[in-house]
Amino acid sequence: MMKKYSLFYIFSIVIGISIMNGTLEWLNIPTYDQLLEMILGKPNTLNRVIAITSTGVLIYIIIEGVPKLKKI
């Protein structure tokens, strides 16, 4: 069973990423995919696996960390 707010967090992350991409491009700040390309270089299989894994870990930390911050 999903946690009470997990779906809300996932939707807010997706909406936030889509809004942030336009804002970051407008301000000439590198977006997440551009940042990954700067760090990892040209896309290949290994870089994609690293990028997908790090993104999954980042999303997991955000989803698990937000309820703990509310309790403080």
PDB file of N, CA and C in Angstrom:
ATOM      1  N   MET A   1       0.844  -1.181   0.000  1.00  0.00           N
ATOM      2  CA  MET A   1       0.000   0.000   0.000  1.00  0.00           C
ATOM      3  C   MET A   1       0.890   1.246   0.000  1.00  0.00           C
ATOM      4  N   MET A   2       0.501   2.221  -0.789  1.00  0.00           N
ATOM      5  CA  MET A   2       1.287   3.447  -0.880  1.00  0.00           C
ATOM      6  C   MET A   2       1.083   4.306   0.354  1.00  0.00           C
ATOM      7  N   LYS A   3       2.111   5.060   0.659  1.00  0.00           N
ATOM      8  CA  LYS A   3       1.974   5.999   1.768  1.00  0.00           C
ATOM      9  C   LYS A   3       0.958   7.059   1.379  1.00  0.00           C
ATOM     10  N   LYS A   4       0.486   7.765   2.347  1.00  0.00           N
ATOM     11  CA  LYS A   4      -0.600   8.716   2.133  1.00  0.00           C
ATOM     12  C   LYS A   4      -0.233   9.796   1.129  1.00  0.00           C
ATOM     13  N   TYR A   5       0.984  10.309   1.209  1.00  0.00           N
ATOM     14  CA  TYR A   5       1.352  11.438   0.367  1.00  0.00           C
ATOM     15  C   TYR A   5       2.357  11.092  -0.732  1.00  0.00           C
ATOM     16  N   SER A   6       2.694   9.824  -0.923  1.00  0.00           N
ATOM     17  CA  SER A   6       3.706   9.450  -1.917  1.00  0.00           C
ATOM     18  C   SER A   6       3.309   9.882  -3.318  1.00  0.00           C
ATOM     19  N   LEU A   7       2.069   9.671  -3.694  1.00  0.00           N
ATOM     20  CA  LEU A   7       1.610  10.059  -5.021  1.00  0.00           C
ATOM     21  C   LEU A   7       1.666  11.572  -5.199  1.00  0.00           C
ATOM     22  N   PHE A   8       1.327  12.305  -4.164  1.00  0.00           N
ATOM     23  CA  PHE A   8       1.408  13.760  -4.205  1.00  0.00           C
ATOM     24  C   PHE A   8       2.842  14.226  -4.414  1.00  0.00           C
ATOM     25  N   TYR A   9       3.800  13.593  -3.722  1.00  0.00           N
ATOM     26  CA  TYR A   9       5.210  13.949  -3.875  1.00  0.00           C
ATOM     27  C   TYR A   9       5.695  13.676  -5.292  1.00  0.00           C
ATOM     28  N   ILE A  10       5.307  12.533  -5.838  1.00  0.00           N
ATOM     29  CA  ILE A  10       5.747  12.176  -7.189  1.00  0.00           C
ATOM     30  C   ILE A  10       5.199  13.172  -8.207  1.00  0.00           C
ATOM     31  N   PHE A  11       3.925  13.507  -8.122  1.00  0.00           N
ATOM     32  CA  PHE A  11       3.348  14.476  -9.052  1.00  0.00           C
ATOM     33  C   PHE A  11       3.975  15.856  -8.894  1.00  0.00           C
ATOM     34  N   SER A  12       4.244  16.257  -7.671  1.00  0.00           N
ATOM     35  CA  SER A  12       4.842  17.577  -7.464  1.00  0.00           C
ATOM     36  C   SER A  12       6.265  17.626  -8.000  1.00  0.00           C
ATOM     37  N   ILE A  13       7.004  16.529  -7.899  1.00  0.00           N
ATOM     38  CA  ILE A  13       8.353  16.486  -8.466  1.00  0.00           C
ATOM     39  C   ILE A  13       8.302  16.595  -9.980  1.00  0.00           C
ATOM     40  N   VAL A  14       7.394  15.858 -10.614  1.00  0.00           N
ATOM     41  CA  VAL A  14       7.278  15.899 -12.075  1.00  0.00           C
ATOM     42  C   VAL A  14       6.855  17.282 -12.548  1.00  0.00           C
ATOM     43  N   ILE A  15       5.881  17.884 -11.901  1.00  0.00           N
ATOM     44  CA  ILE A  15       5.436  19.228 -12.277  1.00  0.00           C
ATOM     45  C   ILE A  15       6.534  20.246 -12.010  1.00  0.00           C
ATOM     46  N   GLY A  16       7.204  20.115 -10.886  1.00  0.00           N
ATOM     47  CA  GLY A  16       8.294  21.034 -10.566  1.00  0.00           C
ATOM     48  C   GLY A  16       9.430  20.952 -11.562  1.00  0.00           C
ATOM     49  N   ILE A  17       9.774  19.749 -11.995  1.00  0.00           N
ATOM     50  CA  ILE A  17      10.838  19.597 -12.982  1.00  0.00           C
ATOM     51  C   ILE A  17      10.446  20.249 -14.300  1.00  0.00           C
ATOM     52  N   SER A  18       9.196  20.077 -14.724  1.00  0.00           N
ATOM     53  CA  SER A  18       8.780  20.668 -15.995  1.00  0.00           C
ATOM     54  C   SER A  18       8.743  22.197 -15.924  1.00  0.00           C
ATOM     55  N   ILE A  19       8.337  22.751 -14.795  1.00  0.00           N
ATOM     56  CA  ILE A  19       8.328  24.205 -14.636  1.00  0.00           C
ATOM     57  C   ILE A  19       9.746  24.736 -14.495  1.00  0.00           C
ATOM     58  N   MET A  20      10.563  24.026 -13.752  1.00  0.00           N
ATOM     59  CA  MET A  20      11.936  24.472 -13.521  1.00  0.00           C
ATOM     60  C   MET A  20      12.772  24.469 -14.798  1.00  0.00           C
ATOM     61  N   ASN A  21      12.537  23.506 -15.707  1.00  0.00           N
ATOM     62  CA  ASN A  21      13.308  23.473 -16.945  1.00  0.00           C
ATOM     63  C   ASN A  21      13.143  24.758 -17.743  1.00  0.00           C
ATOM     64  N   GLY A  22      11.925  25.219 -17.883  1.00  0.00           N
ATOM     65  CA  GLY A  22      11.683  26.462 -18.615  1.00  0.00           C
ATOM     66  C   GLY A  22      12.299  27.662 -17.922  1.00  0.00           C
ATOM     67  N   THR A  23      12.178  27.704 -16.603  1.00  0.00           N
ATOM     68  CA  THR A  23      12.734  28.817 -15.834  1.00  0.00           C
ATOM     69  C   THR A  23      14.256  28.813 -15.889  1.00  0.00           C
ATOM     70  N   LEU A  24      14.867  27.654 -15.757  1.00  0.00           N
ATOM     71  CA  LEU A  24      16.324  27.575 -15.798  1.00  0.00           C
ATOM     72  C   LEU A  24      16.878  27.934 -17.174  1.00  0.00           C
ATOM     73  N   GLU A  25      16.203  27.475 -18.231  1.00  0.00           N
ATOM     74  CA  GLU A  25      16.639  27.840 -19.581  1.00  0.00           C
ATOM     75  C   GLU A  25      16.514  29.348 -19.801  1.00  0.00           C
ATOM     76  N   TRP A  26      15.465  29.944 -19.276  1.00  0.00           N
ATOM     77  CA  TRP A  26      15.257  31.376 -19.429  1.00  0.00           C
ATOM     78  C   TRP A  26      16.350  32.167 -18.718  1.00  0.00           C
ATOM     79  N   LEU A  27      16.829  31.644 -17.583  1.00  0.00           N
ATOM     80  CA  LEU A  27      17.878  32.307 -16.813  1.00  0.00           C
ATOM     81  C   LEU A  27      19.291  31.878 -17.226  1.00  0.00           C
ATOM     82  N   ASN A  28      19.394  31.030 -18.259  1.00  0.00           N
ATOM     83  CA  ASN A  28      20.677  30.499 -18.741  1.00  0.00           C
ATOM     84  C   ASN A  28      21.437  29.730 -17.665  1.00  0.00           C
ATOM     85  N   ILE A  29      20.717  28.990 -16.855  1.00  0.00           N
ATOM     86  CA  ILE A  29      21.305  28.105 -15.859  1.00  0.00           C
ATOM     87  C   ILE A  29      21.169  26.684 -16.405  1.00  0.00           C
ATOM     88  N   PRO A  30      22.225  25.861 -16.321  1.00  0.00           N
ATOM     89  CA  PRO A  30      22.130  24.502 -16.881  1.00  0.00           C
ATOM     90  C   PRO A  30      21.028  23.682 -16.220  1.00  0.00           C
ATOM     91  N   THR A  31      20.276  22.949 -17.033  1.00  0.00           N
ATOM     92  CA  THR A  31      19.247  22.064 -16.514  1.00  0.00           C
ATOM     93  C   THR A  31      19.899  20.763 -16.054  1.00  0.00           C
ATOM     94  N   TYR A  32      19.096  19.882 -15.481  1.00  0.00           N
ATOM     95  CA  TYR A  32      19.626  18.638 -14.907  1.00  0.00           C
ATOM     96  C   TYR A  32      20.297  17.773 -15.971  1.00  0.00           C
ATOM     97  N   ASP A  33      19.666  17.640 -17.145  1.00  0.00           N
ATOM     98  CA  ASP A  33      20.275  16.818 -18.188  1.00  0.00           C
ATOM     99  C   ASP A  33      21.562  17.440 -18.718  1.00  0.00           C
ATOM    100  N   GLN A  34      21.613  18.745 -18.822  1.00  0.00           N
ATOM    101  CA  GLN A  34      22.838  19.417 -19.253  1.00  0.00           C
ATOM    102  C   GLN A  34      23.928  19.260 -18.193  1.00  0.00           C
ATOM    103  N   LEU A  35      23.546  19.321 -16.931  1.00  0.00           N
ATOM    104  CA  LEU A  35      24.500  19.140 -15.841  1.00  0.00           C
ATOM    105  C   LEU A  35      25.079  17.730 -15.846  1.00  0.00           C
ATOM    106  N   LEU A  36      24.224  16.723 -16.060  1.00  0.00           N
ATOM    107  CA  LEU A  36      24.711  15.355 -16.140  1.00  0.00           C
ATOM    108  C   LEU A  36      25.650  15.169 -17.326  1.00  0.00           C
ATOM    109  N   GLU A  37      25.343  15.812 -18.447  1.00  0.00           N
ATOM    110  CA  GLU A  37      26.224  15.709 -19.611  1.00  0.00           C
ATOM    111  C   GLU A  37      27.569  16.382 -19.337  1.00  0.00           C
ATOM    112  N   MET A  38      27.567  17.489 -18.611  1.00  0.00           N
ATOM    113  CA  MET A  38      28.829  18.146 -18.258  1.00  0.00           C
ATOM    114  C   MET A  38      29.669  17.270 -17.336  1.00  0.00           C
ATOM    115  N   ILE A  39      29.012  16.580 -16.401  1.00  0.00           N
ATOM    116  CA  ILE A  39      29.739  15.758 -15.439  1.00  0.00           C
ATOM    117  C   ILE A  39      30.192  14.434 -16.059  1.00  0.00           C
ATOM    118  N   LEU A  40      29.295  13.754 -16.766  1.00  0.00           N
ATOM    119  CA  LEU A  40      29.574  12.413 -17.265  1.00  0.00           C
ATOM    120  C   LEU A  40      30.095  12.369 -18.699  1.00  0.00           C
ATOM    121  N   GLY A  41      29.946  13.431 -19.452  1.00  0.00           N
ATOM    122  CA  GLY A  41      30.395  13.432 -20.845  1.00  0.00           C
ATOM    123  C   GLY A  41      29.279  13.007 -21.785  1.00  0.00           C
ATOM    124  N   LYS A  42      29.678  12.631 -23.005  1.00  0.00           N
ATOM    125  CA  LYS A  42      28.688  12.225 -24.015  1.00  0.00           C
ATOM    126  C   LYS A  42      27.911  11.006 -23.541  1.00  0.00           C
ATOM    127  N   PRO A  43      26.609  10.954 -23.865  1.00  0.00           N
ATOM    128  CA  PRO A  43      25.796   9.829 -23.409  1.00  0.00           C
ATOM    129  C   PRO A  43      26.239   8.501 -24.042  1.00  0.00           C
ATOM    130  N   ASN A  44      26.401   7.495 -23.222  1.00  0.00           N
ATOM    131  CA  ASN A  44      26.582   6.117 -23.663  1.00  0.00           C
ATOM    132  C   ASN A  44      25.886   5.225 -22.642  1.00  0.00           C
ATOM    133  N   THR A  45      26.000   3.934 -22.810  1.00  0.00           N
ATOM    134  CA  THR A  45      25.240   3.014 -21.960  1.00  0.00           C
ATOM    135  C   THR A  45      25.605   3.161 -20.484  1.00  0.00           C
ATOM    136  N   LEU A  46      26.883   3.211 -20.172  1.00  0.00           N
ATOM    137  CA  LEU A  46      27.303   3.313 -18.777  1.00  0.00           C
ATOM    138  C   LEU A  46      26.840   4.630 -18.153  1.00  0.00           C
ATOM    139  N   ASN A  47      26.994   5.721 -18.891  1.00  0.00           N
ATOM    140  CA  ASN A  47      26.564   7.022 -18.364  1.00  0.00           C
ATOM    141  C   ASN A  47      25.062   7.063 -18.127  1.00  0.00           C
ATOM    142  N   ARG A  48      24.293   6.414 -18.998  1.00  0.00           N
ATOM    143  CA  ARG A  48      22.834   6.386 -18.809  1.00  0.00           C
ATOM    144  C   ARG A  48      22.457   5.610 -17.561  1.00  0.00           C
ATOM    145  N   VAL A  49      23.150   4.486 -17.331  1.00  0.00           N
ATOM    146  CA  VAL A  49      22.871   3.690 -16.133  1.00  0.00           C
ATOM    147  C   VAL A  49      23.201   4.502 -14.879  1.00  0.00           C
ATOM    148  N   ILE A  50      24.335   5.180 -14.889  1.00  0.00           N
ATOM    149  CA  ILE A  50      24.729   6.011 -13.748  1.00  0.00           C
ATOM    150  C   ILE A  50      23.715   7.135 -13.535  1.00  0.00           C
ATOM    151  N   ALA A  51      23.289   7.784 -14.615  1.00  0.00           N
ATOM    152  CA  ALA A  51      22.335   8.891 -14.508  1.00  0.00           C
ATOM    153  C   ALA A  51      20.981   8.414 -13.985  1.00  0.00           C
ATOM    154  N   ILE A  52      20.494   7.292 -14.483  1.00  0.00           N
ATOM    155  CA  ILE A  52      19.202   6.758 -14.037  1.00  0.00           C
ATOM    156  C   ILE A  52      19.275   6.346 -12.570  1.00  0.00           C
ATOM    157  N   THR A  53      20.373   5.699 -12.183  1.00  0.00           N
ATOM    158  CA  THR A  53      20.534   5.267 -10.796  1.00  0.00           C
ATOM    159  C   THR A  53      20.618   6.455  -9.856  1.00  0.00           C
ATOM    160  N   SER A  54      21.428   7.458 -10.204  1.00  0.00           N
ATOM    161  CA  SER A  54      21.563   8.622  -9.331  1.00  0.00           C
ATOM    162  C   SER A  54      20.257   9.405  -9.242  1.00  0.00           C
ATOM    163  N   THR A  55      19.515   9.483 -10.341  1.00  0.00           N
ATOM    164  CA  THR A  55      18.227  10.170 -10.319  1.00  0.00           C
ATOM    165  C   THR A  55      17.228   9.419  -9.439  1.00  0.00           C
ATOM    166  N   GLY A  56      17.214   8.096  -9.547  1.00  0.00           N
ATOM    167  CA  GLY A  56      16.331   7.294  -8.696  1.00  0.00           C
ATOM    168  C   GLY A  56      16.651   7.453  -7.230  1.00  0.00           C
ATOM    169  N   VAL A  57      17.938   7.460  -6.900  1.00  0.00           N
ATOM    170  CA  VAL A  57      18.350   7.650  -5.506  1.00  0.00           C
ATOM    171  C   VAL A  57      17.956   9.040  -5.013  1.00  0.00           C
ATOM    172  N   LEU A  58      18.140  10.042  -5.847  1.00  0.00           N
ATOM    173  CA  LEU A  58      17.771  11.409  -5.480  1.00  0.00           C
ATOM    174  C   LEU A  58      16.270  11.526  -5.221  1.00  0.00           C
ATOM    175  N   ILE A  59      15.461  10.941  -6.078  1.00  0.00           N
ATOM    176  CA  ILE A  59      14.008  10.987  -5.897  1.00  0.00           C
ATOM    177  C   ILE A  59      13.611  10.219  -4.628  1.00  0.00           C
ATOM    178  N   TYR A  60      14.251   9.076  -4.383  1.00  0.00           N
ATOM    179  CA  TYR A  60      13.963   8.310  -3.173  1.00  0.00           C
ATOM    180  C   TYR A  60      14.293   9.111  -1.921  1.00  0.00           C
ATOM    181  N   ILE A  61      15.433   9.783  -1.929  1.00  0.00           N
ATOM    182  CA  ILE A  61      15.825  10.597  -0.773  1.00  0.00           C
ATOM    183  C   ILE A  61      14.831  11.730  -0.552  1.00  0.00           C
ATOM    184  N   ILE A  62      14.360  12.340  -1.625  1.00  0.00           N
ATOM    185  CA  ILE A  62      13.382  13.423  -1.493  1.00  0.00           C
ATOM    186  C   ILE A  62      12.077  12.891  -0.918  1.00  0.00           C
ATOM    187  N   ILE A  63      11.599  11.758  -1.443  1.00  0.00           N
ATOM    188  CA  ILE A  63      10.320  11.204  -0.992  1.00  0.00           C
ATOM    189  C   ILE A  63      10.400  10.758   0.462  1.00  0.00           C
ATOM    190  N   GLU A  64      11.500  10.137   0.846  1.00  0.00           N
ATOM    191  CA  GLU A  64      11.635   9.652   2.220  1.00  0.00           C
ATOM    192  C   GLU A  64      12.027  10.769   3.190  1.00  0.00           C
ATOM    193  N   GLY A  65      12.682  11.807   2.713  1.00  0.00           N
ATOM    194  CA  GLY A  65      13.173  12.853   3.602  1.00  0.00           C
ATOM    195  C   GLY A  65      12.150  13.901   3.965  1.00  0.00           C
ATOM    196  N   VAL A  66      11.204  14.173   3.095  1.00  0.00           N
ATOM    197  CA  VAL A  66      10.236  15.241   3.342  1.00  0.00           C
ATOM    198  C   VAL A  66       9.352  14.940   4.559  1.00  0.00           C
ATOM    199  N   PRO A  67       8.796  13.730   4.712  1.00  0.00           N
ATOM    200  CA  PRO A  67       7.992  13.478   5.920  1.00  0.00           C
ATOM    201  C   PRO A  67       8.815  13.617   7.208  1.00  0.00           C
ATOM    202  N   LYS A  68      10.096  13.259   7.187  1.00  0.00           N
ATOM    203  CA  LYS A  68      10.922  13.381   8.366  1.00  0.00           C
ATOM    204  C   LYS A  68      11.169  14.845   8.716  1.00  0.00           C
ATOM    205  N   LEU A  69      11.261  15.703   7.703  1.00  0.00           N
ATOM    206  CA  LEU A  69      11.436  17.128   7.964  1.00  0.00           C
ATOM    207  C   LEU A  69      10.187  17.729   8.592  1.00  0.00           C
ATOM    208  N   LYS A  70       9.015  17.210   8.229  1.00  0.00           N
ATOM    209  CA  LYS A  70       7.772  17.726   8.792  1.00  0.00           C
ATOM    210  C   LYS A  70       7.670  17.446  10.289  1.00  0.00           C
ATOM    211  N   LYS A  71       8.258  16.340  10.734  1.00  0.00           N
ATOM    212  CA  LYS A  71       8.163  15.957  12.136  1.00  0.00           C
ATOM    213  C   LYS A  71       9.044  16.830  13.028  1.00  0.00           C
ATOM    214  N   ILE A  72      10.058  17.426  12.452  1.00  0.00           N
ATOM    215  CA  ILE A  72      11.003  18.234  13.253  1.00  0.00           C
ATOM    216  C   ILE A  72      10.387  19.512  13.708  1.00  0.00           C
TER     217      ILE A  72
END
